[in-house]
Amino acid sequence: MSTKLRSVFFRNPFSQGLGLMFRKPQPDTLYVFNFSREVKLSFHMLFVFWSIDLYLLDKKGSIVEMQKDFWPFTTYRPRKHFWYAIETVPGLLKKRIGEKIRFTSQ
């Protein structure tokens, strides 16, 4: 991918709970949820009015699970544990399970 992507981080429980609610995801941005530990949490799309792609990554940045085209007002319950979650506009990343996603850490 030749385009440089911007990273926006959600690190605390409040920002992670709010996520993309009431905001439109930008086409050049990775929304990174850094949980700083291994977790297994469910995701909801309440008050998120656009579909997104959701990638769940291990501590090394490898994709362990993903939900493409995650629709508004639905929920998703992951089967695996993860360290990071990344949300993007649909189709931004062409990745598969096991591949790494690199993002600028802050």
PDB file of N, CA and C in Angstrom:
ATOM      1  N   MET A   1       0.856  -1.170   0.000  1.00  0.00           N
ATOM      2  CA  MET A   1       0.000   0.000   0.000  1.00  0.00           C
ATOM      3  C   MET A   1       0.901   1.232   0.000  1.00  0.00           C
ATOM      4  N   SER A   2       0.733   2.078  -0.982  1.00  0.00           N
ATOM      5  CA  SER A   2       1.616   3.226  -1.121  1.00  0.00           C
ATOM      6  C   SER A   2       1.126   4.455  -0.361  1.00  0.00           C
ATOM      7  N   THR A   3      -0.143   4.517  -0.059  1.00  0.00           N
ATOM      8  CA  THR A   3      -0.698   5.664   0.652  1.00  0.00           C
ATOM      9  C   THR A   3      -0.368   5.564   2.134  1.00  0.00           C
ATOM     10  N   LYS A   4       0.107   6.665   2.691  1.00  0.00           N
ATOM     11  CA  LYS A   4       0.396   6.703   4.126  1.00  0.00           C
ATOM     12  C   LYS A   4      -0.922   6.872   4.887  1.00  0.00           C
ATOM     13  N   LEU A   5      -1.172   5.982   5.825  1.00  0.00           N
ATOM     14  CA  LEU A   5      -2.393   6.037   6.610  1.00  0.00           C
ATOM     15  C   LEU A   5      -2.124   6.689   7.958  1.00  0.00           C
ATOM     16  N   ARG A   6      -3.097   7.407   8.418  1.00  0.00           N
ATOM     17  CA  ARG A   6      -3.044   8.064   9.726  1.00  0.00           C
ATOM     18  C   ARG A   6      -3.605   7.096  10.768  1.00  0.00           C
ATOM     19  N   SER A   7      -3.088   7.168  11.989  1.00  0.00           N
ATOM     20  CA  SER A   7      -3.589   6.331  13.088  1.00  0.00           C
ATOM     21  C   SER A   7      -4.182   7.214  14.174  1.00  0.00           C
ATOM     22  N   VAL A   8      -5.389   6.860  14.611  1.00  0.00           N
ATOM     23  CA  VAL A   8      -6.034   7.515  15.741  1.00  0.00           C
ATOM     24  C   VAL A   8      -6.182   6.442  16.809  1.00  0.00           C
ATOM     25  N   PHE A   9      -5.712   6.756  18.033  1.00  0.00           N
ATOM     26  CA  PHE A   9      -5.697   5.753  19.096  1.00  0.00           C
ATOM     27  C   PHE A   9      -6.793   5.973  20.123  1.00  0.00           C
ATOM     28  N   PHE A  10      -7.388   4.844  20.538  1.00  0.00           N
ATOM     29  CA  PHE A  10      -8.330   4.821  21.653  1.00  0.00           C
ATOM     30  C   PHE A  10      -7.662   3.957  22.720  1.00  0.00           C
ATOM     31  N   ARG A  11      -7.196   4.593  23.804  1.00  0.00           N
ATOM     32  CA  ARG A  11      -6.424   3.871  24.820  1.00  0.00           C
ATOM     33  C   ARG A  11      -7.140   3.689  26.149  1.00  0.00           C
ATOM     34  N   ASN A  12      -8.067   4.568  26.476  1.00  0.00           N
ATOM     35  CA  ASN A  12      -8.720   4.442  27.784  1.00  0.00           C
ATOM     36  C   ASN A  12     -10.131   3.891  27.606  1.00  0.00           C
ATOM     37  N   PRO A  13     -10.712   3.351  28.664  1.00  0.00           N
ATOM     38  CA  PRO A  13     -12.028   2.725  28.558  1.00  0.00           C
ATOM     39  C   PRO A  13     -13.121   3.649  28.003  1.00  0.00           C
ATOM     40  N   PHE A  14     -13.057   4.924  28.333  1.00  0.00           N
ATOM     41  CA  PHE A  14     -14.078   5.847  27.829  1.00  0.00           C
ATOM     42  C   PHE A  14     -13.974   6.000  26.310  1.00  0.00           C
ATOM     43  N   SER A  15     -12.779   6.288  25.808  1.00  0.00           N
ATOM     44  CA  SER A  15     -12.614   6.473  24.359  1.00  0.00           C
ATOM     45  C   SER A  15     -12.853   5.155  23.620  1.00  0.00           C
ATOM     46  N   GLN A  16     -12.491   4.034  24.221  1.00  0.00           N
ATOM     47  CA  GLN A  16     -12.723   2.742  23.591  1.00  0.00           C
ATOM     48  C   GLN A  16     -14.215   2.420  23.535  1.00  0.00           C
ATOM     49  N   GLY A  17     -14.953   2.773  24.580  1.00  0.00           N
ATOM     50  CA  GLY A  17     -16.398   2.549  24.582  1.00  0.00           C
ATOM     51  C   GLY A  17     -17.120   3.426  23.579  1.00  0.00           C
ATOM     52  N   LEU A  18     -16.639   4.635  23.403  1.00  0.00           N
ATOM     53  CA  LEU A  18     -17.239   5.573  22.462  1.00  0.00           C
ATOM     54  C   LEU A  18     -16.846   5.247  21.026  1.00  0.00           C
ATOM     55  N   GLY A  19     -15.574   4.932  20.810  1.00  0.00           N
ATOM     56  CA  GLY A  19     -15.103   4.544  19.480  1.00  0.00           C
ATOM     57  C   GLY A  19     -15.564   5.492  18.385  1.00  0.00           C
ATOM     58  N   LEU A  20     -16.227   4.947  17.388  1.00  0.00           N
ATOM     59  CA  LEU A  20     -16.687   5.743  16.248  1.00  0.00           C
ATOM     60  C   LEU A  20     -18.153   6.174  16.357  1.00  0.00           C
ATOM     61  N   MET A  21     -18.728   6.049  17.546  1.00  0.00           N
ATOM     62  CA  MET A  21     -20.116   6.479  17.698  1.00  0.00           C
ATOM     63  C   MET A  21     -20.234   7.960  17.355  1.00  0.00           C
ATOM     64  N   PHE A  22     -21.218   8.279  16.551  1.00  0.00           N
ATOM     65  CA  PHE A  22     -21.535   9.650  16.141  1.00  0.00           C
ATOM     66  C   PHE A  22     -20.442  10.300  15.294  1.00  0.00           C
ATOM     67  N   ARG A  23     -19.496   9.547  14.760  1.00  0.00           N
ATOM     68  CA  ARG A  23     -18.479  10.116  13.869  1.00  0.00           C
ATOM     69  C   ARG A  23     -18.371   9.271  12.602  1.00  0.00           C
ATOM     70  N   LYS A  24     -18.033   9.932  11.541  1.00  0.00           N
ATOM     71  CA  LYS A  24     -17.830   9.233  10.275  1.00  0.00           C
ATOM     72  C   LYS A  24     -16.349   8.861  10.153  1.00  0.00           C
ATOM     73  N   PRO A  25     -16.052   7.575   9.900  1.00  0.00           N
ATOM     74  CA  PRO A  25     -14.650   7.183   9.753  1.00  0.00           C
ATOM     75  C   PRO A  25     -14.042   7.819   8.503  1.00  0.00           C
ATOM     76  N   GLN A  26     -12.813   8.262   8.614  1.00  0.00           N
ATOM     77  CA  GLN A  26     -12.108   8.892   7.499  1.00  0.00           C
ATOM     78  C   GLN A  26     -11.452   7.816   6.627  1.00  0.00           C
ATOM     79  N   PRO A  27     -11.413   8.035   5.322  1.00  0.00           N
ATOM     80  CA  PRO A  27     -10.926   6.999   4.400  1.00  0.00           C
ATOM     81  C   PRO A  27      -9.431   6.712   4.470  1.00  0.00           C
ATOM     82  N   ASP A  28      -8.652   7.537   5.152  1.00  0.00           N
ATOM     83  CA  ASP A  28      -7.202   7.333   5.235  1.00  0.00           C
ATOM     84  C   ASP A  28      -6.750   7.046   6.666  1.00  0.00           C
ATOM     85  N   THR A  29      -7.658   6.566   7.502  1.00  0.00           N
ATOM     86  CA  THR A  29      -7.366   6.477   8.935  1.00  0.00           C
ATOM     87  C   THR A  29      -7.609   5.078   9.494  1.00  0.00           C
ATOM     88  N   LEU A  30      -6.661   4.638  10.324  1.00  0.00           N
ATOM     89  CA  LEU A  30      -6.823   3.420  11.119  1.00  0.00           C
ATOM     90  C   LEU A  30      -7.217   3.865  12.518  1.00  0.00           C
ATOM     91  N   TYR A  31      -8.316   3.368  13.013  1.00  0.00           N
ATOM     92  CA  TYR A  31      -8.766   3.662  14.379  1.00  0.00           C
ATOM     93  C   TYR A  31      -8.321   2.483  15.238  1.00  0.00           C
ATOM     94  N   VAL A  32      -7.311   2.721  16.068  1.00  0.00           N
ATOM     95  CA  VAL A  32      -6.628   1.656  16.800  1.00  0.00           C
ATOM     96  C   VAL A  32      -7.059   1.663  18.264  1.00  0.00           C
ATOM     97  N   PHE A  33      -7.610   0.534  18.702  1.00  0.00           N
ATOM     98  CA  PHE A  33      -7.968   0.325  20.102  1.00  0.00           C
ATOM     99  C   PHE A  33      -6.820  -0.465  20.718  1.00  0.00           C
ATOM    100  N   ASN A  34      -6.054   0.177  21.592  1.00  0.00           N
ATOM    101  CA  ASN A  34      -4.929  -0.477  22.253  1.00  0.00           C
ATOM    102  C   ASN A  34      -5.369  -0.844  23.662  1.00  0.00           C
ATOM    103  N   PHE A  35      -5.586  -2.132  23.889  1.00  0.00           N
ATOM    104  CA  PHE A  35      -6.057  -2.583  25.199  1.00  0.00           C
ATOM    105  C   PHE A  35      -4.908  -2.854  26.173  1.00  0.00           C
ATOM    106  N   SER A  36      -3.661  -2.853  25.692  1.00  0.00           N
ATOM    107  CA  SER A  36      -2.461  -3.049  26.511  1.00  0.00           C
ATOM    108  C   SER A  36      -2.437  -4.380  27.256  1.00  0.00           C
ATOM    109  N   ARG A  37      -3.267  -5.293  26.821  1.00  0.00           N
ATOM    110  CA  ARG A  37      -3.292  -6.653  27.368  1.00  0.00           C
ATOM    111  C   ARG A  37      -4.195  -7.490  26.478  1.00  0.00           C
ATOM    112  N   GLU A  38      -4.136  -8.786  26.642  1.00  0.00           N
ATOM    113  CA  GLU A  38      -4.994  -9.669  25.862  1.00  0.00           C
ATOM    114  C   GLU A  38      -6.422  -9.628  26.419  1.00  0.00           C
ATOM    115  N   VAL A  39      -7.388  -9.423  25.534  1.00  0.00           N
ATOM    116  CA  VAL A  39      -8.788  -9.335  25.938  1.00  0.00           C
ATOM    117  C   VAL A  39      -9.652 -10.137  24.972  1.00  0.00           C
ATOM    118  N   LYS A  40     -10.884 -10.334  25.359  1.00  0.00           N
ATOM    119  CA  LYS A  40     -11.898 -10.936  24.485  1.00  0.00           C
ATOM    120  C   LYS A  40     -13.191 -10.181  24.760  1.00  0.00           C
ATOM    121  N   LEU A  41     -13.390  -9.102  24.015  1.00  0.00           N
ATOM    122  CA  LEU A  41     -14.523  -8.205  24.219  1.00  0.00           C
ATOM    123  C   LEU A  41     -15.429  -8.212  22.997  1.00  0.00           C
ATOM    124  N   SER A  42     -16.703  -7.983  23.216  1.00  0.00           N
ATOM    125  CA  SER A  42     -17.643  -7.853  22.114  1.00  0.00           C
ATOM    126  C   SER A  42     -17.665  -6.409  21.617  1.00  0.00           C
ATOM    127  N   PHE A  43     -18.065  -6.229  20.371  1.00  0.00           N
ATOM    128  CA  PHE A  43     -18.158  -4.911  19.756  1.00  0.00           C
ATOM    129  C   PHE A  43     -19.596  -4.646  19.349  1.00  0.00           C
ATOM    130  N   HIS A  44     -19.988  -3.390  19.430  1.00  0.00           N
ATOM    131  CA  HIS A  44     -21.330  -2.997  18.982  1.00  0.00           C
ATOM    132  C   HIS A  44     -21.197  -1.832  18.016  1.00  0.00           C
ATOM    133  N   MET A  45     -22.209  -1.676  17.198  1.00  0.00           N
ATOM    134  CA  MET A  45     -22.245  -0.585  16.224  1.00  0.00           C
ATOM    135  C   MET A  45     -23.413   0.357  16.530  1.00  0.00           C
ATOM    136  N   LEU A  46     -23.760   0.488  17.813  1.00  0.00           N
ATOM    137  CA  LEU A  46     -24.824   1.402  18.198  1.00  0.00           C
ATOM    138  C   LEU A  46     -24.377   2.831  17.920  1.00  0.00           C
ATOM    139  N   PHE A  47     -25.185   3.575  17.239  1.00  0.00           N
ATOM    140  CA  PHE A  47     -24.914   4.976  16.895  1.00  0.00           C
ATOM    141  C   PHE A  47     -23.675   5.153  16.011  1.00  0.00           C
ATOM    142  N   VAL A  48     -23.299   4.098  15.317  1.00  0.00           N
ATOM    143  CA  VAL A  48     -22.307   4.192  14.246  1.00  0.00           C
ATOM    144  C   VAL A  48     -23.124   3.994  12.973  1.00  0.00           C
ATOM    145  N   PHE A  49     -23.180   5.000  12.139  1.00  0.00           N
ATOM    146  CA  PHE A  49     -24.133   5.021  11.027  1.00  0.00           C
ATOM    147  C   PHE A  49     -23.542   4.553   9.708  1.00  0.00           C
ATOM    148  N   TRP A  50     -22.297   4.060   9.706  1.00  0.00           N
ATOM    149  CA  TRP A  50     -21.639   3.575   8.508  1.00  0.00           C
ATOM    150  C   TRP A  50     -21.039   2.225   8.799  1.00  0.00           C
ATOM    151  N   SER A  51     -21.003   1.346   7.803  1.00  0.00           N
ATOM    152  CA  SER A  51     -20.349   0.058   8.023  1.00  0.00           C
ATOM    153  C   SER A  51     -18.831   0.257   8.049  1.00  0.00           C
ATOM    154  N   ILE A  52     -18.151  -0.650   8.724  1.00  0.00           N
ATOM    155  CA  ILE A  52     -16.694  -0.586   8.858  1.00  0.00           C
ATOM    156  C   ILE A  52     -16.122  -1.996   8.709  1.00  0.00           C
ATOM    157  N   ASP A  53     -14.812  -2.074   8.579  1.00  0.00           N
ATOM    158  CA  ASP A  53     -14.101  -3.340   8.688  1.00  0.00           C
ATOM    159  C   ASP A  53     -13.420  -3.341  10.055  1.00  0.00           C
ATOM    160  N   LEU A  54     -13.474  -4.475  10.732  1.00  0.00           N
ATOM    161  CA  LEU A  54     -12.893  -4.633  12.060  1.00  0.00           C
ATOM    162  C   LEU A  54     -11.832  -5.728  12.003  1.00  0.00           C
ATOM    163  N   TYR A  55     -10.624  -5.411  12.463  1.00  0.00           N
ATOM    164  CA  TYR A  55      -9.516  -6.365  12.520  1.00  0.00           C
ATOM    165  C   TYR A  55      -9.087  -6.517  13.969  1.00  0.00           C
ATOM    166  N   LEU A  56      -8.928  -7.748  14.422  1.00  0.00           N
ATOM    167  CA  LEU A  56      -8.464  -8.037  15.775  1.00  0.00           C
ATOM    168  C   LEU A  56      -7.060  -8.618  15.666  1.00  0.00           C
ATOM    169  N   LEU A  57      -6.115  -8.025  16.392  1.00  0.00           N
ATOM    170  CA  LEU A  57      -4.702  -8.363  16.270  1.00  0.00           C
ATOM    171  C   LEU A  57      -4.128  -8.865  17.581  1.00  0.00           C
ATOM    172  N   ASP A  58      -3.122  -9.732  17.476  1.00  0.00           N
ATOM    173  CA  ASP A  58      -2.396 -10.166  18.665  1.00  0.00           C
ATOM    174  C   ASP A  58      -1.350  -9.112  19.038  1.00  0.00           C
ATOM    175  N   LYS A  59      -0.566  -9.393  20.048  1.00  0.00           N
ATOM    176  CA  LYS A  59       0.417  -8.427  20.561  1.00  0.00           C
ATOM    177  C   LYS A  59       1.457  -8.039  19.508  1.00  0.00           C
ATOM    178  N   LYS A  60       1.747  -8.944  18.569  1.00  0.00           N
ATOM    179  CA  LYS A  60       2.743  -8.682  17.525  1.00  0.00           C
ATOM    180  C   LYS A  60       2.155  -7.997  16.295  1.00  0.00           C
ATOM    181  N   GLY A  61       0.848  -7.759  16.296  1.00  0.00           N
ATOM    182  CA  GLY A  61       0.213  -7.072  15.171  1.00  0.00           C
ATOM    183  C   GLY A  61      -0.318  -7.971  14.080  1.00  0.00           C
ATOM    184  N   SER A  62      -0.365  -9.280  14.326  1.00  0.00           N
ATOM    185  CA  SER A  62      -0.917 -10.219  13.343  1.00  0.00           C
ATOM    186  C   SER A  62      -2.427 -10.335  13.524  1.00  0.00           C
ATOM    187  N   ILE A  63      -3.140 -10.400  12.422  1.00  0.00           N
ATOM    188  CA  ILE A  63      -4.605 -10.514  12.462  1.00  0.00           C
ATOM    189  C   ILE A  63      -4.998 -11.912  12.938  1.00  0.00           C
ATOM    190  N   VAL A  64      -5.797 -11.973  13.997  1.00  0.00           N
ATOM    191  CA  VAL A  64      -6.287 -13.257  14.513  1.00  0.00           C
ATOM    192  C   VAL A  64      -7.750 -13.481  14.146  1.00  0.00           C
ATOM    193  N   GLU A  65      -8.445 -12.384  13.840  1.00  0.00           N
ATOM    194  CA  GLU A  65      -9.868 -12.481  13.484  1.00  0.00           C
ATOM    195  C   GLU A  65     -10.267 -11.159  12.828  1.00  0.00           C
ATOM    196  N   MET A  66     -11.286 -11.212  11.975  1.00  0.00           N
ATOM    197  CA  MET A  66     -11.778  -9.977  11.370  1.00  0.00           C
ATOM    198  C   MET A  66     -13.248 -10.086  11.025  1.00  0.00           C
ATOM    199  N   GLN A  67     -13.880  -8.933  10.971  1.00  0.00           N
ATOM    200  CA  GLN A  67     -15.286  -8.834  10.594  1.00  0.00           C
ATOM    201  C   GLN A  67     -15.364  -7.747   9.514  1.00  0.00           C
ATOM    202  N   LYS A  68     -15.526  -8.177   8.271  1.00  0.00           N
ATOM    203  CA  LYS A  68     -15.620  -7.229   7.163  1.00  0.00           C
ATOM    204  C   LYS A  68     -17.058  -6.731   7.048  1.00  0.00           C
ATOM    205  N   ASP A  69     -17.190  -5.474   6.670  1.00  0.00           N
ATOM    206  CA  ASP A  69     -18.494  -4.860   6.432  1.00  0.00           C
ATOM    207  C   ASP A  69     -19.418  -5.025   7.648  1.00  0.00           C
ATOM    208  N   PHE A  70     -18.927  -4.615   8.789  1.00  0.00           N
ATOM    209  CA  PHE A  70     -19.645  -4.664  10.067  1.00  0.00           C
ATOM    210  C   PHE A  70     -20.722  -3.580  10.018  1.00  0.00           C
ATOM    211  N   TRP A  71     -21.952  -3.980  10.005  1.00  0.00           N
ATOM    212  CA  TRP A  71     -23.087  -3.082   9.758  1.00  0.00           C
ATOM    213  C   TRP A  71     -23.503  -2.267  10.977  1.00  0.00           C
ATOM    214  N   PRO A  72     -24.055  -1.080  10.726  1.00  0.00           N
ATOM    215  CA  PRO A  72     -24.595  -0.251  11.818  1.00  0.00           C
ATOM    216  C   PRO A  72     -25.656  -0.995  12.629  1.00  0.00           C
ATOM    217  N   PHE A  73     -25.690  -0.712  13.904  1.00  0.00           N
ATOM    218  CA  PHE A  73     -26.681  -1.231  14.846  1.00  0.00           C
ATOM    219  C   PHE A  73     -26.689  -2.762  14.942  1.00  0.00           C
ATOM    220  N   THR A  74     -25.493  -3.348  14.808  1.00  0.00           N
ATOM    221  CA  THR A  74     -25.330  -4.785  15.013  1.00  0.00           C
ATOM    222  C   THR A  74     -24.245  -4.994  16.071  1.00  0.00           C
ATOM    223  N   THR A  75     -24.034  -6.236  16.476  1.00  0.00           N
ATOM    224  CA  THR A  75     -22.976  -6.567  17.427  1.00  0.00           C
ATOM    225  C   THR A  75     -22.100  -7.675  16.847  1.00  0.00           C
ATOM    226  N   TYR A  76     -20.922  -7.811  17.401  1.00  0.00           N
ATOM    227  CA  TYR A  76     -19.996  -8.860  16.975  1.00  0.00           C
ATOM    228  C   TYR A  76     -19.292  -9.402  18.207  1.00  0.00           C
ATOM    229  N   ARG A  77     -19.334 -10.704  18.351  1.00  0.00           N
ATOM    230  CA  ARG A  77     -18.692 -11.376  19.488  1.00  0.00           C
ATOM    231  C   ARG A  77     -17.516 -12.213  18.975  1.00  0.00           C
ATOM    232  N   PRO A  78     -16.297 -11.752  19.180  1.00  0.00           N
ATOM    233  CA  PRO A  78     -15.119 -12.487  18.694  1.00  0.00           C
ATOM    234  C   PRO A  78     -14.991 -13.861  19.347  1.00  0.00           C
ATOM    235  N   ARG A  79     -14.372 -14.765  18.624  1.00  0.00           N
ATOM    236  CA  ARG A  79     -14.102 -16.108  19.140  1.00  0.00           C
ATOM    237  C   ARG A  79     -12.721 -16.185  19.787  1.00  0.00           C
ATOM    238  N   LYS A  80     -11.817 -15.271  19.396  1.00  0.00           N
ATOM    239  CA  LYS A  80     -10.433 -15.327  19.868  1.00  0.00           C
ATOM    240  C   LYS A  80     -10.094 -14.127  20.743  1.00  0.00           C
ATOM    241  N   HIS A  81      -9.025 -14.283  21.504  1.00  0.00           N
ATOM    242  CA  HIS A  81      -8.493 -13.175  22.298  1.00  0.00           C
ATOM    243  C   HIS A  81      -7.642 -12.295  21.396  1.00  0.00           C
ATOM    244  N   PHE A  82      -7.505 -11.026  21.762  1.00  0.00           N
ATOM    245  CA  PHE A  82      -6.736 -10.081  20.957  1.00  0.00           C
ATOM    246  C   PHE A  82      -6.156  -8.993  21.847  1.00  0.00           C
ATOM    247  N   TRP A  83      -5.175  -8.263  21.314  1.00  0.00           N
ATOM    248  CA  TRP A  83      -4.484  -7.191  22.021  1.00  0.00           C
ATOM    249  C   TRP A  83      -4.913  -5.832  21.475  1.00  0.00           C
ATOM    250  N   TYR A  84      -5.098  -5.782  20.145  1.00  0.00           N
ATOM    251  CA  TYR A  84      -5.516  -4.556  19.450  1.00  0.00           C
ATOM    252  C   TYR A  84      -6.762  -4.833  18.621  1.00  0.00           C
ATOM    253  N   ALA A  85      -7.551  -3.796  18.427  1.00  0.00           N
ATOM    254  CA  ALA A  85      -8.639  -3.833  17.447  1.00  0.00           C
ATOM    255  C   ALA A  85      -8.433  -2.631  16.541  1.00  0.00           C
ATOM    256  N   ILE A  86      -8.627  -2.826  15.258  1.00  0.00           N
ATOM    257  CA  ILE A  86      -8.498  -1.734  14.302  1.00  0.00           C
ATOM    258  C   ILE A  86      -9.776  -1.652  13.489  1.00  0.00           C
ATOM    259  N   GLU A  87     -10.309  -0.443  13.409  1.00  0.00           N
ATOM    260  CA  GLU A  87     -11.495  -0.190  12.597  1.00  0.00           C
ATOM    261  C   GLU A  87     -11.095   0.707  11.435  1.00  0.00           C
ATOM    262  N   THR A  88     -11.642   0.403  10.253  1.00  0.00           N
ATOM    263  CA  THR A  88     -11.372   1.196   9.052  1.00  0.00           C
ATOM    264  C   THR A  88     -12.643   1.299   8.220  1.00  0.00           C
ATOM    265  N   VAL A  89     -12.620   2.184   7.238  1.00  0.00           N
ATOM    266  CA  VAL A  89     -13.704   2.187   6.257  1.00  0.00           C
ATOM    267  C   VAL A  89     -13.616   0.860   5.505  1.00  0.00           C
ATOM    268  N   PRO A  90     -14.744   0.346   5.011  1.00  0.00           N
ATOM    269  CA  PRO A  90     -14.721  -0.940   4.302  1.00  0.00           C
ATOM    270  C   PRO A  90     -13.770  -0.929   3.101  1.00  0.00           C
ATOM    271  N   GLY A  91     -12.994  -1.993   2.987  1.00  0.00           N
ATOM    272  CA  GLY A  91     -12.117  -2.182   1.844  1.00  0.00           C
ATOM    273  C   GLY A  91     -10.800  -1.430   1.878  1.00  0.00           C
ATOM    274  N   LEU A  92     -10.519  -0.685   2.939  1.00  0.00           N
ATOM    275  CA  LEU A  92      -9.274   0.089   3.002  1.00  0.00           C
ATOM    276  C   LEU A  92      -8.050  -0.829   3.001  1.00  0.00           C
ATOM    277  N   LEU A  93      -8.098  -1.882   3.799  1.00  0.00           N
ATOM    278  CA  LEU A  93      -6.981  -2.813   3.901  1.00  0.00           C
ATOM    279  C   LEU A  93      -7.342  -4.123   3.207  1.00  0.00           C
ATOM    280  N   LYS A  94      -6.444  -4.622   2.435  1.00  0.00           N
ATOM    281  CA  LYS A  94      -6.632  -5.923   1.770  1.00  0.00           C
ATOM    282  C   LYS A  94      -5.782  -6.939   2.524  1.00  0.00           C
ATOM    283  N   LYS A  95      -6.259  -7.375   3.670  1.00  0.00           N
ATOM    284  CA  LYS A  95      -5.493  -8.258   4.553  1.00  0.00           C
ATOM    285  C   LYS A  95      -6.268  -9.532   4.839  1.00  0.00           C
ATOM    286  N   ARG A  96      -5.514 -10.565   5.246  1.00  0.00           N
ATOM    287  CA  ARG A  96      -6.099 -11.862   5.622  1.00  0.00           C
ATOM    288  C   ARG A  96      -5.631 -12.250   7.021  1.00  0.00           C
ATOM    289  N   ILE A  97      -6.290 -13.240   7.574  1.00  0.00           N
ATOM    290  CA  ILE A  97      -5.888 -13.784   8.874  1.00  0.00           C
ATOM    291  C   ILE A  97      -4.411 -14.186   8.798  1.00  0.00           C
ATOM    292  N   GLY A  98      -3.657 -13.817   9.841  1.00  0.00           N
ATOM    293  CA  GLY A  98      -2.237 -14.154   9.909  1.00  0.00           C
ATOM    294  C   GLY A  98      -1.320 -13.055   9.400  1.00  0.00           C
ATOM    295  N   GLU A  99      -1.840 -12.143   8.567  1.00  0.00           N
ATOM    296  CA  GLU A  99      -1.019 -11.034   8.080  1.00  0.00           C
ATOM    297  C   GLU A  99      -0.907  -9.966   9.158  1.00  0.00           C
ATOM    298  N   LYS A 100       0.139  -9.159   9.050  1.00  0.00           N
ATOM    299  CA  LYS A 100       0.348  -8.095  10.019  1.00  0.00           C
ATOM    300  C   LYS A 100      -0.213  -6.774   9.520  1.00  0.00           C
ATOM    301  N   ILE A 101      -0.641  -5.957  10.459  1.00  0.00           N
ATOM    302  CA  ILE A 101      -1.016  -4.589  10.154  1.00  0.00           C
ATOM    303  C   ILE A 101      -0.045  -3.712  10.921  1.00  0.00           C
ATOM    304  N   ARG A 102       0.613  -2.851  10.205  1.00  0.00           N
ATOM    305  CA  ARG A 102       1.558  -1.922  10.824  1.00  0.00           C
ATOM    306  C   ARG A 102       0.866  -0.564  10.978  1.00  0.00           C
ATOM    307  N   PHE A 103       1.029   0.012  12.136  1.00  0.00           N
ATOM    308  CA  PHE A 103       0.449   1.330  12.391  1.00  0.00           C
ATOM    309  C   PHE A 103       1.440   2.131  13.212  1.00  0.00           C
ATOM    310  N   THR A 104       1.353   3.425  13.075  1.00  0.00           N
ATOM    311  CA  THR A 104       2.226   4.321  13.811  1.00  0.00           C
ATOM    312  C   THR A 104       1.778   4.348  15.259  1.00  0.00           C
ATOM    313  N   SER A 105       2.643   3.926  16.165  1.00  0.00           N
ATOM    314  CA  SER A 105       2.262   3.955  17.587  1.00  0.00           C
ATOM    315  C   SER A 105       2.622   5.304  18.168  1.00  0.00           C
ATOM    316  N   GLN A 106       1.833   5.735  19.132  1.00  0.00           N
ATOM    317  CA  GLN A 106       2.051   7.023  19.788  1.00  0.00           C
ATOM    318  C   GLN A 106       2.342   6.806  21.241  1.00  0.00           C
TER     319      GLN A 106
END
